[in-house]
Amino acid sequence: MMGDHVHMLISIPPKYAVSQVVGYIKGKSAMHLARVYGERKRNFAGQSFWARGYFASTVGRDEEVIRNYIRHQEQEDERLDQLALWK
């Protein structure tokens, strides 16, 4: 997890649409965070926690490359931020 985004590597069975799974994950996690950290015992009707969009891609043969990127994303983001300072 990063401060402004989350990377996940998940396997979705073909019978489920990606949008259904992402919607479920976003919905359940937002409700949980609102209950635990929002000190409220009810759902937040009409409010948003996650951004509307998401990016999804297939992995295939590159699964290990993707796993390594996710494991080291913080260091990679810091490296890219440092490179941007010199522009």
PDB file of N, CA and C in Angstrom:
ATOM      1  N   MET A   1       0.838  -1.182   0.000  1.00  0.00           N
ATOM      2  CA  MET A   1       0.000   0.000   0.000  1.00  0.00           C
ATOM      3  C   MET A   1       0.879   1.240   0.000  1.00  0.00           C
ATOM      4  N   MET A   2       0.450   2.168  -0.777  1.00  0.00           N
ATOM      5  CA  MET A   2       1.125   3.452  -0.828  1.00  0.00           C
ATOM      6  C   MET A   2       0.172   4.498  -0.270  1.00  0.00           C
ATOM      7  N   GLY A   3       0.653   5.697  -0.102  1.00  0.00           N
ATOM      8  CA  GLY A   3      -0.179   6.753   0.455  1.00  0.00           C
ATOM      9  C   GLY A   3      -1.373   7.117  -0.410  1.00  0.00           C
ATOM     10  N   ASP A   4      -1.228   6.940  -1.714  1.00  0.00           N
ATOM     11  CA  ASP A   4      -2.307   7.358  -2.610  1.00  0.00           C
ATOM     12  C   ASP A   4      -2.802   6.268  -3.557  1.00  0.00           C
ATOM     13  N   HIS A   5      -2.299   5.054  -3.417  1.00  0.00           N
ATOM     14  CA  HIS A   5      -2.794   3.963  -4.253  1.00  0.00           C
ATOM     15  C   HIS A   5      -2.438   2.609  -3.659  1.00  0.00           C
ATOM     16  N   VAL A   6      -3.077   1.592  -4.182  1.00  0.00           N
ATOM     17  CA  VAL A   6      -2.878   0.220  -3.709  1.00  0.00           C
ATOM     18  C   VAL A   6      -2.635  -0.669  -4.923  1.00  0.00           C
ATOM     19  N   HIS A   7      -1.653  -1.550  -4.827  1.00  0.00           N
ATOM     20  CA  HIS A   7      -1.432  -2.560  -5.858  1.00  0.00           C
ATOM     21  C   HIS A   7      -1.864  -3.902  -5.290  1.00  0.00           C
ATOM     22  N   MET A   8      -2.591  -4.674  -6.065  1.00  0.00           N
ATOM     23  CA  MET A   8      -3.000  -6.009  -5.645  1.00  0.00           C
ATOM     24  C   MET A   8      -2.803  -6.975  -6.807  1.00  0.00           C
ATOM     25  N   LEU A   9      -2.362  -8.166  -6.492  1.00  0.00           N
ATOM     26  CA  LEU A   9      -2.274  -9.236  -7.472  1.00  0.00           C
ATOM     27  C   LEU A   9      -3.275 -10.289  -7.012  1.00  0.00           C
ATOM     28  N   ILE A  10      -4.377 -10.373  -7.706  1.00  0.00           N
ATOM     29  CA  ILE A  10      -5.428 -11.315  -7.306  1.00  0.00           C
ATOM     30  C   ILE A  10      -5.846 -12.162  -8.493  1.00  0.00           C
ATOM     31  N   SER A  11      -6.344 -13.335  -8.206  1.00  0.00           N
ATOM     32  CA  SER A  11      -6.866 -14.225  -9.230  1.00  0.00           C
ATOM     33  C   SER A  11      -8.385 -14.171  -9.158  1.00  0.00           C
ATOM     34  N   ILE A  12      -9.015 -13.879 -10.280  1.00  0.00           N
ATOM     35  CA  ILE A  12     -10.469 -13.765 -10.341  1.00  0.00           C
ATOM     36  C   ILE A  12     -11.003 -14.878 -11.237  1.00  0.00           C
ATOM     37  N   PRO A  13     -11.856 -15.736 -10.705  1.00  0.00           N
ATOM     38  CA  PRO A  13     -12.440 -16.793 -11.546  1.00  0.00           C
ATOM     39  C   PRO A  13     -13.222 -16.181 -12.713  1.00  0.00           C
ATOM     40  N   PRO A  14     -13.240 -16.847 -13.855  1.00  0.00           N
ATOM     41  CA  PRO A  14     -13.899 -16.297 -15.043  1.00  0.00           C
ATOM     42  C   PRO A  14     -15.390 -15.998 -14.866  1.00  0.00           C
ATOM     43  N   LYS A  15     -16.029 -16.625 -13.899  1.00  0.00           N
ATOM     44  CA  LYS A  15     -17.468 -16.385 -13.730  1.00  0.00           C
ATOM     45  C   LYS A  15     -17.765 -15.009 -13.122  1.00  0.00           C
ATOM     46  N   TYR A  16     -16.740 -14.302 -12.604  1.00  0.00           N
ATOM     47  CA  TYR A  16     -16.921 -12.975 -12.019  1.00  0.00           C
ATOM     48  C   TYR A  16     -16.327 -11.906 -12.929  1.00  0.00           C
ATOM     49  N   ALA A  17     -17.019 -10.810 -13.059  1.00  0.00           N
ATOM     50  CA  ALA A  17     -16.482  -9.668 -13.803  1.00  0.00           C
ATOM     51  C   ALA A  17     -15.480  -8.934 -12.917  1.00  0.00           C
ATOM     52  N   VAL A  18     -14.434  -8.416 -13.527  1.00  0.00           N
ATOM     53  CA  VAL A  18     -13.424  -7.655 -12.782  1.00  0.00           C
ATOM     54  C   VAL A  18     -14.093  -6.509 -12.032  1.00  0.00           C
ATOM     55  N   SER A  19     -15.017  -5.819 -12.685  1.00  0.00           N
ATOM     56  CA  SER A  19     -15.689  -4.682 -12.042  1.00  0.00           C
ATOM     57  C   SER A  19     -16.465  -5.112 -10.797  1.00  0.00           C
ATOM     58  N   GLN A  20     -17.054  -6.304 -10.824  1.00  0.00           N
ATOM     59  CA  GLN A  20     -17.768  -6.804  -9.641  1.00  0.00           C
ATOM     60  C   GLN A  20     -16.809  -7.011  -8.476  1.00  0.00           C
ATOM     61  N   VAL A  21     -15.689  -7.633  -8.753  1.00  0.00           N
ATOM     62  CA  VAL A  21     -14.717  -7.940  -7.698  1.00  0.00           C
ATOM     63  C   VAL A  21     -14.111  -6.655  -7.134  1.00  0.00           C
ATOM     64  N   VAL A  22     -13.727  -5.741  -8.001  1.00  0.00           N
ATOM     65  CA  VAL A  22     -13.152  -4.474  -7.545  1.00  0.00           C
ATOM     66  C   VAL A  22     -14.186  -3.700  -6.735  1.00  0.00           C
ATOM     67  N   GLY A  23     -15.422  -3.649  -7.209  1.00  0.00           N
ATOM     68  CA  GLY A  23     -16.484  -2.970  -6.467  1.00  0.00           C
ATOM     69  C   GLY A  23     -16.706  -3.573  -5.098  1.00  0.00           C
ATOM     70  N   TYR A  24     -16.681  -4.894  -5.023  1.00  0.00           N
ATOM     71  CA  TYR A  24     -16.851  -5.589  -3.744  1.00  0.00           C
ATOM     72  C   TYR A  24     -15.700  -5.252  -2.787  1.00  0.00           C
ATOM     73  N   ILE A  25     -14.471  -5.334  -3.276  1.00  0.00           N
ATOM     74  CA  ILE A  25     -13.300  -5.039  -2.440  1.00  0.00           C
ATOM     75  C   ILE A  25     -13.335  -3.591  -1.956  1.00  0.00           C
ATOM     76  N   LYS A  26     -13.616  -2.662  -2.854  1.00  0.00           N
ATOM     77  CA  LYS A  26     -13.678  -1.249  -2.471  1.00  0.00           C
ATOM     78  C   LYS A  26     -14.794  -0.995  -1.462  1.00  0.00           C
ATOM     79  N   GLY A  27     -15.955  -1.580  -1.706  1.00  0.00           N
ATOM     80  CA  GLY A  27     -17.092  -1.361  -0.815  1.00  0.00           C
ATOM     81  C   GLY A  27     -16.866  -1.907   0.578  1.00  0.00           C
ATOM     82  N   LYS A  28     -16.452  -3.165   0.661  1.00  0.00           N
ATOM     83  CA  LYS A  28     -16.238  -3.791   1.973  1.00  0.00           C
ATOM     84  C   LYS A  28     -15.094  -3.133   2.737  1.00  0.00           C
ATOM     85  N   SER A  29     -14.010  -2.782   2.040  1.00  0.00           N
ATOM     86  CA  SER A  29     -12.887  -2.163   2.739  1.00  0.00           C
ATOM     87  C   SER A  29     -13.247  -0.759   3.217  1.00  0.00           C
ATOM     88  N   ALA A  30     -14.007  -0.008   2.427  1.00  0.00           N
ATOM     89  CA  ALA A  30     -14.421   1.332   2.850  1.00  0.00           C
ATOM     90  C   ALA A  30     -15.321   1.266   4.077  1.00  0.00           C
ATOM     91  N   MET A  31     -16.248   0.309   4.089  1.00  0.00           N
ATOM     92  CA  MET A  31     -17.123   0.166   5.258  1.00  0.00           C
ATOM     93  C   MET A  31     -16.316  -0.222   6.493  1.00  0.00           C
ATOM     94  N   HIS A  32     -15.372  -1.121   6.326  1.00  0.00           N
ATOM     95  CA  HIS A  32     -14.545  -1.546   7.461  1.00  0.00           C
ATOM     96  C   HIS A  32     -13.718  -0.382   8.006  1.00  0.00           C
ATOM     97  N   LEU A  33     -13.070   0.356   7.115  1.00  0.00           N
ATOM     98  CA  LEU A  33     -12.256   1.483   7.557  1.00  0.00           C
ATOM     99  C   LEU A  33     -13.098   2.561   8.227  1.00  0.00           C
ATOM    100  N   ALA A  34     -14.296   2.792   7.715  1.00  0.00           N
ATOM    101  CA  ALA A  34     -15.181   3.784   8.322  1.00  0.00           C
ATOM    102  C   ALA A  34     -15.578   3.362   9.733  1.00  0.00           C
ATOM    103  N   ARG A  35     -15.838   2.086   9.914  1.00  0.00           N
ATOM    104  CA  ARG A  35     -16.222   1.589  11.243  1.00  0.00           C
ATOM    105  C   ARG A  35     -15.053   1.619  12.223  1.00  0.00           C
ATOM    106  N   VAL A  36     -13.899   1.187  11.768  1.00  0.00           N
ATOM    107  CA  VAL A  36     -12.748   1.062  12.665  1.00  0.00           C
ATOM    108  C   VAL A  36     -12.105   2.416  12.952  1.00  0.00           C
ATOM    109  N   TYR A  37     -11.873   3.212  11.899  1.00  0.00           N
ATOM    110  CA  TYR A  37     -11.134   4.453  12.083  1.00  0.00           C
ATOM    111  C   TYR A  37     -12.022   5.688  12.094  1.00  0.00           C
ATOM    112  N   GLY A  38     -13.241   5.553  11.631  1.00  0.00           N
ATOM    113  CA  GLY A  38     -14.147   6.683  11.607  1.00  0.00           C
ATOM    114  C   GLY A  38     -14.968   6.793  12.872  1.00  0.00           C
ATOM    115  N   GLU A  39     -14.775   5.848  13.770  1.00  0.00           N
ATOM    116  CA  GLU A  39     -15.487   5.812  15.044  1.00  0.00           C
ATOM    117  C   GLU A  39     -16.997   5.923  14.856  1.00  0.00           C
ATOM    118  N   ARG A  40     -17.462   5.275  13.800  1.00  0.00           N
ATOM    119  CA  ARG A  40     -18.898   5.248  13.541  1.00  0.00           C
ATOM    120  C   ARG A  40     -19.329   3.798  13.432  1.00  0.00           C
ATOM    121  N   LYS A  41     -20.523   3.533  13.839  1.00  0.00           N
ATOM    122  CA  LYS A  41     -21.024   2.166  13.821  1.00  0.00           C
ATOM    123  C   LYS A  41     -21.978   1.911  12.655  1.00  0.00           C
ATOM    124  N   ARG A  42     -22.075   2.861  11.737  1.00  0.00           N
ATOM    125  CA  ARG A  42     -22.961   2.664  10.593  1.00  0.00           C
ATOM    126  C   ARG A  42     -22.206   3.002   9.302  1.00  0.00           C
ATOM    127  N   ASN A  43     -22.796   2.644   8.179  1.00  0.00           N
ATOM    128  CA  ASN A  43     -22.175   2.920   6.881  1.00  0.00           C
ATOM    129  C   ASN A  43     -22.297   4.399   6.540  1.00  0.00           C
ATOM    130  N   PHE A  44     -21.408   4.870   5.703  1.00  0.00           N
ATOM    131  CA  PHE A  44     -21.415   6.259   5.267  1.00  0.00           C
ATOM    132  C   PHE A  44     -22.221   6.360   3.975  1.00  0.00           C
ATOM    133  N   ALA A  45     -23.467   6.675   4.053  1.00  0.00           N
ATOM    134  CA  ALA A  45     -24.304   6.792   2.856  1.00  0.00           C
ATOM    135  C   ALA A  45     -23.935   8.057   2.092  1.00  0.00           C
ATOM    136  N   GLY A  46     -23.719   7.923   0.793  1.00  0.00           N
ATOM    137  CA  GLY A  46     -23.446   9.072  -0.058  1.00  0.00           C
ATOM    138  C   GLY A  46     -22.035   9.619   0.013  1.00  0.00           C
ATOM    139  N   GLN A  47     -21.139   8.974   0.752  1.00  0.00           N
ATOM    140  CA  GLN A  47     -19.762   9.447   0.841  1.00  0.00           C
ATOM    141  C   GLN A  47     -18.826   8.471   0.135  1.00  0.00           C
ATOM    142  N   SER A  48     -17.651   8.942  -0.259  1.00  0.00           N
ATOM    143  CA  SER A  48     -16.696   8.105  -0.993  1.00  0.00           C
ATOM    144  C   SER A  48     -15.400   7.980  -0.216  1.00  0.00           C
ATOM    145  N   PHE A  49     -14.818   6.810  -0.278  1.00  0.00           N
ATOM    146  CA  PHE A  49     -13.494   6.605   0.293  1.00  0.00           C
ATOM    147  C   PHE A  49     -12.494   6.394  -0.833  1.00  0.00           C
ATOM    148  N   TRP A  50     -12.816   5.527  -1.780  1.00  0.00           N
ATOM    149  CA  TRP A  50     -11.949   5.215  -2.903  1.00  0.00           C
ATOM    150  C   TRP A  50     -12.279   6.096  -4.089  1.00  0.00           C
ATOM    151  N   ALA A  51     -11.304   6.274  -4.976  1.00  0.00           N
ATOM    152  CA  ALA A  51     -11.554   6.964  -6.243  1.00  0.00           C
ATOM    153  C   ALA A  51     -12.472   6.102  -7.099  1.00  0.00           C
ATOM    154  N   ARG A  52     -13.130   6.726  -8.061  1.00  0.00           N
ATOM    155  CA  ARG A  52     -14.075   5.998  -8.913  1.00  0.00           C
ATOM    156  C   ARG A  52     -13.414   4.929  -9.754  1.00  0.00           C
ATOM    157  N   GLY A  53     -12.270   5.205 -10.294  1.00  0.00           N
ATOM    158  CA  GLY A  53     -11.665   4.306 -11.260  1.00  0.00           C
ATOM    159  C   GLY A  53     -10.711   3.291 -10.666  1.00  0.00           C
ATOM    160  N   TYR A  54     -10.206   2.439 -11.549  1.00  0.00           N
ATOM    161  CA  TYR A  54      -9.192   1.455 -11.191  1.00  0.00           C
ATOM    162  C   TYR A  54      -8.511   1.015 -12.473  1.00  0.00           C
ATOM    163  N   PHE A  55      -7.378   0.383 -12.343  1.00  0.00           N
ATOM    164  CA  PHE A  55      -6.675  -0.185 -13.493  1.00  0.00           C
ATOM    165  C   PHE A  55      -6.546  -1.671 -13.263  1.00  0.00           C
ATOM    166  N   ALA A  56      -6.855  -2.444 -14.278  1.00  0.00           N
ATOM    167  CA  ALA A  56      -6.713  -3.898 -14.195  1.00  0.00           C
ATOM    168  C   ALA A  56      -6.004  -4.384 -15.446  1.00  0.00           C
ATOM    169  N   SER A  57      -5.178  -5.393 -15.270  1.00  0.00           N
ATOM    170  CA  SER A  57      -4.461  -5.974 -16.394  1.00  0.00           C
ATOM    171  C   SER A  57      -4.284  -7.461 -16.146  1.00  0.00           C
ATOM    172  N   THR A  58      -4.100  -8.212 -17.221  1.00  0.00           N
ATOM    173  CA  THR A  58      -3.810  -9.634 -17.063  1.00  0.00           C
ATOM    174  C   THR A  58      -2.313  -9.803 -16.831  1.00  0.00           C
ATOM    175  N   VAL A  59      -1.944 -10.894 -16.208  1.00  0.00           N
ATOM    176  CA  VAL A  59      -0.549 -11.105 -15.850  1.00  0.00           C
ATOM    177  C   VAL A  59       0.104 -12.149 -16.742  1.00  0.00           C
ATOM    178  N   GLY A  60      -0.458 -13.316 -16.805  1.00  0.00           N
ATOM    179  CA  GLY A  60       0.102 -14.370 -17.654  1.00  0.00           C
ATOM    180  C   GLY A  60       1.490 -14.791 -17.236  1.00  0.00           C
ATOM    181  N   ARG A  61       2.407 -14.815 -18.205  1.00  0.00           N
ATOM    182  CA  ARG A  61       3.763 -15.310 -17.953  1.00  0.00           C
ATOM    183  C   ARG A  61       4.591 -14.390 -17.077  1.00  0.00           C
ATOM    184  N   ASP A  62       4.208 -13.126 -16.947  1.00  0.00           N
ATOM    185  CA  ASP A  62       4.998 -12.153 -16.201  1.00  0.00           C
ATOM    186  C   ASP A  62       4.606 -12.054 -14.729  1.00  0.00           C
ATOM    187  N   GLU A  63       3.959 -13.057 -14.190  1.00  0.00           N
ATOM    188  CA  GLU A  63       3.467 -12.970 -12.815  1.00  0.00           C
ATOM    189  C   GLU A  63       4.581 -12.687 -11.815  1.00  0.00           C
ATOM    190  N   GLU A  64       5.711 -13.328 -11.947  1.00  0.00           N
ATOM    191  CA  GLU A  64       6.798 -13.109 -10.987  1.00  0.00           C
ATOM    192  C   GLU A  64       7.349 -11.687 -11.087  1.00  0.00           C
ATOM    193  N   VAL A  65       7.405 -11.127 -12.275  1.00  0.00           N
ATOM    194  CA  VAL A  65       7.846  -9.740 -12.459  1.00  0.00           C
ATOM    195  C   VAL A  65       6.879  -8.800 -11.743  1.00  0.00           C
ATOM    196  N   ILE A  66       5.593  -9.045 -11.887  1.00  0.00           N
ATOM    197  CA  ILE A  66       4.575  -8.218 -11.237  1.00  0.00           C
ATOM    198  C   ILE A  66       4.666  -8.365  -9.721  1.00  0.00           C
ATOM    199  N   ARG A  67       4.830  -9.588  -9.239  1.00  0.00           N
ATOM    200  CA  ARG A  67       4.981  -9.808  -7.782  1.00  0.00           C
ATOM    201  C   ARG A  67       6.173  -9.010  -7.234  1.00  0.00           C
ATOM    202  N   ASN A  68       7.284  -9.058  -7.923  1.00  0.00           N
ATOM    203  CA  ASN A  68       8.471  -8.318  -7.470  1.00  0.00           C
ATOM    204  C   ASN A  68       8.230  -6.821  -7.486  1.00  0.00           C
ATOM    205  N   TYR A  69       7.554  -6.327  -8.524  1.00  0.00           N
ATOM    206  CA  TYR A  69       7.250  -4.895  -8.578  1.00  0.00           C
ATOM    207  C   TYR A  69       6.396  -4.488  -7.381  1.00  0.00           C
ATOM    208  N   ILE A  70       5.363  -5.267  -7.082  1.00  0.00           N
ATOM    209  CA  ILE A  70       4.479  -4.938  -5.958  1.00  0.00           C
ATOM    210  C   ILE A  70       5.254  -4.974  -4.644  1.00  0.00           C
ATOM    211  N   ARG A  71       6.094  -5.983  -4.475  1.00  0.00           N
ATOM    212  CA  ARG A  71       6.890  -6.092  -3.242  1.00  0.00           C
ATOM    213  C   ARG A  71       7.815  -4.895  -3.044  1.00  0.00           C
ATOM    214  N   HIS A  72       8.320  -4.365  -4.145  1.00  0.00           N
ATOM    215  CA  HIS A  72       9.311  -3.296  -4.063  1.00  0.00           C
ATOM    216  C   HIS A  72       8.794  -1.962  -4.590  1.00  0.00           C
ATOM    217  N   GLN A  73       7.492  -1.783  -4.623  1.00  0.00           N
ATOM    218  CA  GLN A  73       6.934  -0.567  -5.219  1.00  0.00           C
ATOM    219  C   GLN A  73       7.330   0.700  -4.479  1.00  0.00           C
ATOM    220  N   GLU A  74       7.451   0.638  -3.170  1.00  0.00           N
ATOM    221  CA  GLU A  74       7.808   1.835  -2.424  1.00  0.00           C
ATOM    222  C   GLU A  74       9.200   2.321  -2.809  1.00  0.00           C
ATOM    223  N   GLN A  75      10.161   1.396  -2.885  1.00  0.00           N
ATOM    224  CA  GLN A  75      11.510   1.775  -3.280  1.00  0.00           C
ATOM    225  C   GLN A  75      11.527   2.300  -4.718  1.00  0.00           C
ATOM    226  N   GLU A  76      10.737   1.681  -5.593  1.00  0.00           N
ATOM    227  CA  GLU A  76      10.698   2.120  -6.990  1.00  0.00           C
ATOM    228  C   GLU A  76      10.089   3.512  -7.104  1.00  0.00           C
ATOM    229  N   ASP A  77       9.021   3.779  -6.377  1.00  0.00           N
ATOM    230  CA  ASP A  77       8.406   5.105  -6.394  1.00  0.00           C
ATOM    231  C   ASP A  77       9.367   6.161  -5.859  1.00  0.00           C
ATOM    232  N   GLU A  78      10.114   5.835  -4.798  1.00  0.00           N
ATOM    233  CA  GLU A  78      11.098   6.770  -4.249  1.00  0.00           C
ATOM    234  C   GLU A  78      12.207   7.041  -5.262  1.00  0.00           C
ATOM    235  N   ARG A  79      12.638   5.998  -5.958  1.00  0.00           N
ATOM    236  CA  ARG A  79      13.685   6.151  -6.981  1.00  0.00           C
ATOM    237  C   ARG A  79      13.204   7.066  -8.096  1.00  0.00           C
ATOM    238  N   LEU A  80      11.963   6.866  -8.550  1.00  0.00           N
ATOM    239  CA  LEU A  80      11.421   7.708  -9.613  1.00  0.00           C
ATOM    240  C   LEU A  80      11.244   9.150  -9.151  1.00  0.00           C
ATOM    241  N   ASP A  81      10.842   9.331  -7.890  1.00  0.00           N
ATOM    242  CA  ASP A  81      10.717  10.690  -7.344  1.00  0.00           C
ATOM    243  C   ASP A  81      12.074  11.386  -7.327  1.00  0.00           C
ATOM    244  N   GLN A  82      13.118  10.665  -6.973  1.00  0.00           N
ATOM    245  CA  GLN A  82      14.458  11.245  -6.941  1.00  0.00           C
ATOM    246  C   GLN A  82      14.906  11.648  -8.336  1.00  0.00           C
ATOM    247  N   LEU A  83      14.603  10.822  -9.337  1.00  0.00           N
ATOM    248  CA  LEU A  83      14.963  11.152 -10.715  1.00  0.00           C
ATOM    249  C   LEU A  83      14.237  12.405 -11.185  1.00  0.00           C
ATOM    250  N   ALA A  84      13.013  12.589 -10.736  1.00  0.00           N
ATOM    251  CA  ALA A  84      12.229  13.751 -11.151  1.00  0.00           C
ATOM    252  C   ALA A  84      12.791  15.052 -10.598  1.00  0.00           C
ATOM    253  N   LEU A  85      13.534  14.986  -9.507  1.00  0.00           N
ATOM    254  CA  LEU A  85      14.123  16.189  -8.933  1.00  0.00           C
ATOM    255  C   LEU A  85      15.141  16.826  -9.868  1.00  0.00           C
ATOM    256  N   TRP A  86      15.745  16.037 -10.743  1.00  0.00           N
ATOM    257  CA  TRP A  86      16.800  16.526 -11.609  1.00  0.00           C
ATOM    258  C   TRP A  86      16.270  17.062 -12.932  1.00  0.00           C
ATOM    259  N   LYS A  87      14.976  17.044 -13.116  1.00  0.00           N
ATOM    260  CA  LYS A  87      14.405  17.558 -14.373  1.00  0.00           C
ATOM    261  C   LYS A  87      14.160  19.028 -14.309  1.00  0.00           C
TER     262      LYS A  87
END
